Amino acid sequence: MSVGGGQGTEIKVISAIGMRDVIADIRPAFETGSGHTLHATAVETGEIRRRVRAGEPFDVIVVPRDAAEELETQGRVASGAVPLVRVNFGLAVRADAPRPDTRTPEALRRTLLAAERVLITDPATGGISGVHLMTVLDALGIVEAMKAKLVPLRGGGSHAARVVRREGDLAVQAEHEIRAVAGATFLPYPEQFQRSIVFMAGVGIAAADPAAAKGFIAFLRGPQAAAAIKARGLTPA
């Protein structure tokens, strides 16, 4: 594999958590084939925004489309960010528990109100699944009723795995993260509340080696990465 940039470049990647496992999966092949090394950090999108605004250096960033466009406008990411994957969201329940109905807004409303503990990514982190759930609760008119039931989590762990361990009745997370957990069942949102997010990859405006950064992004869009993306239950964009 031919990848641009100087030999032995360290490429600093800041990624949203949704792409963390894919980057870990393809890292050995990229490093072996390119001679470069990856220094990858995965955090929630809100944390990425804070770090970038604070001036943290990076070569490649992987974030949802709206964040990529915002950072381009701010002059922190070079123009030309490219799409990588499409992510859907939903809810998780234990596979050995009764499957609640989430097919309509009213059914979802009943299911949420019947739960004692709903595990979500803390919306304050900017995590997409948690932010989206709050818009759903608002549309259903149950924000106040759900406040005592929501368990906001940070750190990017598997909420579905916690549900399997009986730490909660429901979890809200990305579809591929739920389907990756043995013992968890994925429940889609009603059509009105379904949301897909496209993750984009862009080169930092102050990247130490722009050619190497572009080479890594090209690898992320290549056949080896596509196989890893599909293996993780994601859809190439």
Protein backbone atom coordinates (compact mmCIF):
# COMPACT_ATOMS: atom_id res chain seq x y z
CA MET A 1 0.00 0.00 0.00
CA SER A 2 1.31 3.41 -0.92
CA VAL A 3 0.51 6.17 1.53
CA GLY A 4 1.84 9.71 1.20
CA GLY A 5 3.79 11.67 3.75
CA GLY A 6 7.20 11.43 5.33
CA GLN A 7 8.45 8.12 6.63
CA GLY A 8 7.47 7.11 10.17
CA THR A 9 4.98 9.93 10.71
CA GLU A 10 2.81 9.78 13.83
CA ILE A 11 -0.74 10.65 12.82
CA LYS A 12 -2.84 12.03 15.64
CA VAL A 13 -6.50 11.10 15.21
CA ILE A 14 -9.39 12.42 17.27
CA SER A 15 -12.51 10.40 16.62
CA ALA A 16 -16.08 10.26 17.78
CA ILE A 17 -16.73 7.07 19.73
CA GLY A 18 -18.84 5.57 16.95
CA MET A 19 -15.72 4.92 14.87
CA ARG A 20 -13.43 3.83 17.72
CA ASP A 21 -13.61 0.08 17.09
CA VAL A 22 -13.19 0.38 13.33
CA ILE A 23 -10.04 2.47 13.75
CA ALA A 24 -8.67 -0.05 16.26
CA ASP A 25 -9.43 -2.89 13.85
CA ILE A 26 -7.66 -1.39 10.85
CA ARG A 27 -4.76 0.15 12.74
CA PRO A 28 -2.31 -2.80 12.42
CA ALA A 29 -2.82 -3.09 8.65
CA PHE A 30 -2.44 0.64 8.13
CA GLU A 31 0.68 0.94 10.25
CA THR A 32 2.32 -2.11 8.66
CA GLY A 33 1.53 -1.02 5.14
CA SER A 34 2.33 2.67 5.50
CA GLY A 35 5.20 2.83 7.98
CA HIS A 36 3.25 5.49 9.88
CA THR A 37 1.83 5.13 13.39
CA LEU A 38 -1.57 6.16 14.69
CA HIS A 39 -2.21 7.93 17.95
CA ALA A 40 -6.00 7.66 18.17
CA THR A 41 -8.29 9.09 20.82
CA ALA A 42 -12.06 8.46 20.86
CA VAL A 43 -14.40 10.73 22.84
CA GLU A 44 -17.92 12.12 22.52
CA THR A 45 -18.52 14.75 19.86
CA GLY A 46 -19.06 17.54 22.37
CA GLU A 47 -15.69 16.78 23.93
CA ILE A 48 -14.06 16.86 20.49
CA ARG A 49 -15.50 20.32 19.89
CA ARG A 50 -14.16 21.52 23.25
CA ARG A 51 -10.68 20.10 22.63
CA VAL A 52 -10.41 21.56 19.15
CA ARG A 53 -11.60 24.99 20.31
CA ALA A 54 -8.99 24.84 23.08
CA GLY A 55 -6.29 24.37 20.48
CA GLU A 56 -5.46 20.67 20.89
CA PRO A 57 -3.38 19.62 17.87
CA PHE A 58 -4.62 16.87 15.56
CA ASP A 59 -3.98 15.56 12.09
CA VAL A 60 -7.24 13.75 11.32
CA ILE A 61 -10.67 14.22 12.84
CA VAL A 62 -13.66 11.86 12.53
CA VAL A 63 -16.96 13.46 13.55
CA PRO A 64 -20.62 13.70 12.51
CA ARG A 65 -21.29 15.78 9.40
CA ASP A 66 -22.61 18.83 11.28
CA ALA A 67 -19.51 18.98 13.47
CA ALA A 68 -17.22 18.57 10.45
CA GLU A 69 -18.96 21.42 8.66
CA GLU A 70 -18.78 23.59 11.78
CA LEU A 71 -15.05 22.98 12.20
CA GLU A 72 -14.43 23.68 8.52
CA THR A 73 -16.29 26.99 8.86
CA GLN A 74 -14.16 27.85 11.89
CA GLY A 75 -11.00 27.19 9.90
CA ARG A 76 -9.90 24.26 12.08
CA VAL A 77 -10.43 21.51 9.49
CA ALA A 78 -9.37 21.76 5.85
CA SER A 79 -12.17 21.85 3.30
CA GLY A 80 -13.02 18.56 1.64
CA ALA A 81 -13.99 16.31 4.58
CA VAL A 82 -15.27 13.00 3.21
CA PRO A 83 -18.03 10.62 4.39
CA LEU A 84 -17.06 7.32 6.01
CA VAL A 85 -20.04 5.57 7.59
CA ARG A 86 -23.73 5.95 8.29
CA VAL A 87 -24.94 5.26 11.85
CA ASN A 88 -28.50 4.57 13.05
CA PHE A 89 -29.79 4.75 16.62
CA GLY A 90 -32.29 2.90 18.77
CA LEU A 91 -32.85 1.18 22.10
CA ALA A 92 -31.59 -2.01 23.71
CA VAL A 93 -33.36 -4.49 25.95
CA ARG A 94 -32.21 -7.84 27.33
CA ALA A 95 -32.84 -10.62 24.86
CA ASP A 96 -34.38 -12.78 27.61
CA ALA A 97 -36.79 -10.01 28.69
CA PRO A 98 -40.19 -9.33 27.11
CA ARG A 99 -39.73 -7.28 23.94
CA PRO A 100 -41.43 -3.91 24.48
CA ASP A 101 -43.24 -2.15 21.66
CA THR A 102 -41.49 0.88 20.15
CA ARG A 103 -43.15 0.83 16.72
CA THR A 104 -45.23 3.98 17.18
CA PRO A 105 -44.72 7.19 19.17
CA GLU A 106 -47.44 6.21 21.65
CA ALA A 107 -45.99 2.71 22.07
CA LEU A 108 -42.53 4.17 22.64
CA ARG A 109 -43.99 6.60 25.16
CA ARG A 110 -45.56 3.74 27.13
CA THR A 111 -42.36 1.69 26.99
CA LEU A 112 -40.19 4.53 28.26
CA LEU A 113 -42.58 5.45 31.07
CA ALA A 114 -42.79 1.81 32.16
CA ALA A 115 -39.00 1.53 32.54
CA GLU A 116 -37.35 2.14 35.90
CA ARG A 117 -33.84 2.90 34.58
CA VAL A 118 -32.95 4.05 31.07
CA LEU A 119 -29.21 4.22 30.36
CA ILE A 120 -28.16 7.01 28.01
CA THR A 121 -25.05 8.87 26.96
CA ASP A 122 -24.99 12.07 28.99
CA PRO A 123 -26.39 14.75 26.63
CA ALA A 124 -24.03 17.26 28.23
CA THR A 125 -21.14 15.48 26.48
CA GLY A 126 -22.67 16.15 23.07
CA GLY A 127 -23.08 12.42 22.50
CA ILE A 128 -25.51 12.05 19.59
CA SER A 129 -27.65 9.24 21.00
CA GLY A 130 -28.27 11.09 24.26
CA VAL A 131 -28.99 14.42 22.59
CA HIS A 132 -31.38 12.76 20.15
CA LEU A 133 -33.25 10.96 22.94
CA MET A 134 -33.91 14.27 24.66
CA THR A 135 -35.52 15.62 21.48
CA VAL A 136 -37.66 12.47 21.33
CA LEU A 137 -38.74 12.85 24.96
CA ASP A 138 -39.63 16.47 24.27
CA ALA A 139 -41.71 15.48 21.25
CA LEU A 140 -43.49 12.85 23.37
CA GLY A 141 -44.13 15.36 26.15
CA ILE A 142 -42.44 13.27 28.84
CA VAL A 143 -39.20 15.12 29.63
CA GLU A 144 -40.19 15.82 33.24
CA ALA A 145 -41.67 12.36 33.77
CA MET A 146 -38.43 10.72 32.59
CA LYS A 147 -35.93 12.81 34.56
CA ALA A 148 -35.77 10.42 37.51
CA LYS A 149 -35.53 7.38 35.21
CA LEU A 150 -32.62 8.50 33.03
CA VAL A 151 -29.12 7.34 33.96
CA PRO A 152 -26.61 9.57 32.11
CA LEU A 153 -23.29 7.86 31.43
CA ARG A 154 -19.90 9.10 30.25
CA GLY A 155 -16.78 7.38 28.96
CA GLY A 156 -18.06 5.60 25.89
CA GLY A 157 -18.79 2.17 27.37
CA SER A 158 -21.49 -0.17 26.14
CA HIS A 159 -24.85 0.79 27.60
CA ALA A 160 -26.38 -2.35 26.07
CA ALA A 161 -23.89 -4.51 27.98
CA ARG A 162 -25.00 -2.82 31.20
CA VAL A 163 -28.60 -3.68 30.38
CA VAL A 164 -27.59 -7.30 29.88
CA ARG A 165 -25.97 -7.13 33.33
CA ARG A 166 -29.33 -5.86 34.66
CA GLU A 167 -28.05 -2.38 35.50
CA GLY A 168 -30.97 -0.87 33.59
CA ASP A 169 -34.17 -1.80 31.79
CA LEU A 170 -33.42 -0.01 28.52
CA ALA A 171 -30.38 1.57 26.89
CA VAL A 172 -30.19 4.16 24.14
CA GLN A 173 -27.22 3.85 21.80
CA ALA A 174 -26.07 3.40 18.21
CA GLU A 175 -27.53 0.35 16.45
CA HIS A 176 -24.17 -1.28 15.71
CA GLU A 177 -23.09 -0.91 19.36
CA ILE A 178 -26.25 -2.63 20.53
CA ARG A 179 -26.10 -5.46 17.98
CA ALA A 180 -22.49 -6.17 18.99
CA VAL A 181 -23.58 -7.18 22.51
CA ALA A 182 -24.55 -10.81 23.07
CA GLY A 183 -27.77 -11.00 25.05
CA ALA A 184 -29.08 -7.61 23.86
CA THR A 185 -31.94 -6.99 21.42
CA PHE A 186 -32.11 -3.89 19.23
CA LEU A 187 -35.36 -1.91 19.17
CA PRO A 188 -35.76 0.72 16.44
CA TYR A 189 -37.29 4.11 17.00
CA PRO A 190 -40.65 4.77 15.34
CA GLU A 191 -40.19 6.05 11.81
CA GLN A 192 -40.88 9.63 12.90
CA PHE A 193 -37.94 9.56 15.31
CA GLN A 194 -35.40 7.56 13.34
CA ARG A 195 -32.16 9.39 12.69
CA SER A 196 -29.09 8.52 10.66
CA ILE A 197 -25.76 10.24 11.15
CA VAL A 198 -22.93 10.31 8.63
CA PHE A 199 -19.45 10.36 10.12
CA MET A 200 -16.93 12.44 8.16
CA ALA A 201 -13.14 12.42 8.14
CA GLY A 202 -11.18 15.62 7.68
CA VAL A 203 -7.58 16.83 7.83
CA GLY A 204 -6.63 19.31 10.52
CA ILE A 205 -5.76 22.73 9.14
CA ALA A 206 -2.52 22.58 11.13
CA ALA A 207 -1.75 18.89 10.48
CA ALA A 208 1.95 18.13 10.93
CA ASP A 209 2.03 16.02 7.75
CA PRO A 210 -1.06 16.66 5.59
CA ALA A 211 -0.05 14.04 3.01
CA ALA A 212 0.15 11.31 5.66
CA ALA A 213 -3.18 12.45 7.13
CA LYS A 214 -4.80 12.27 3.69
CA GLY A 215 -3.27 8.83 3.21
CA PHE A 216 -4.91 7.58 6.38
CA ILE A 217 -8.28 8.95 5.31
CA ALA A 218 -7.86 7.25 1.93
CA PHE A 219 -7.19 4.00 3.78
CA LEU A 220 -10.37 4.50 5.82
CA ARG A 221 -12.27 4.66 2.53
CA GLY A 222 -10.53 1.62 1.03
CA PRO A 223 -11.50 -2.06 0.84
CA GLN A 224 -9.79 -3.22 4.04
CA ALA A 225 -11.54 -0.55 6.08
CA ALA A 226 -14.84 -1.27 4.30
CA ALA A 227 -14.61 -4.88 5.45
CA ALA A 228 -13.97 -3.76 9.04
CA ILE A 229 -16.83 -1.27 8.87
CA LYS A 230 -19.28 -3.94 7.73
CA ALA A 231 -17.96 -6.44 10.28
CA ARG A 232 -18.82 -3.93 13.01
CA GLY A 233 -22.39 -3.64 11.74
CA LEU A 234 -21.90 -0.21 10.20
CA THR A 235 -22.79 0.95 6.70
CA PRO A 236 -20.15 2.59 4.51
CA ALA A 237 -21.45 6.03 3.56
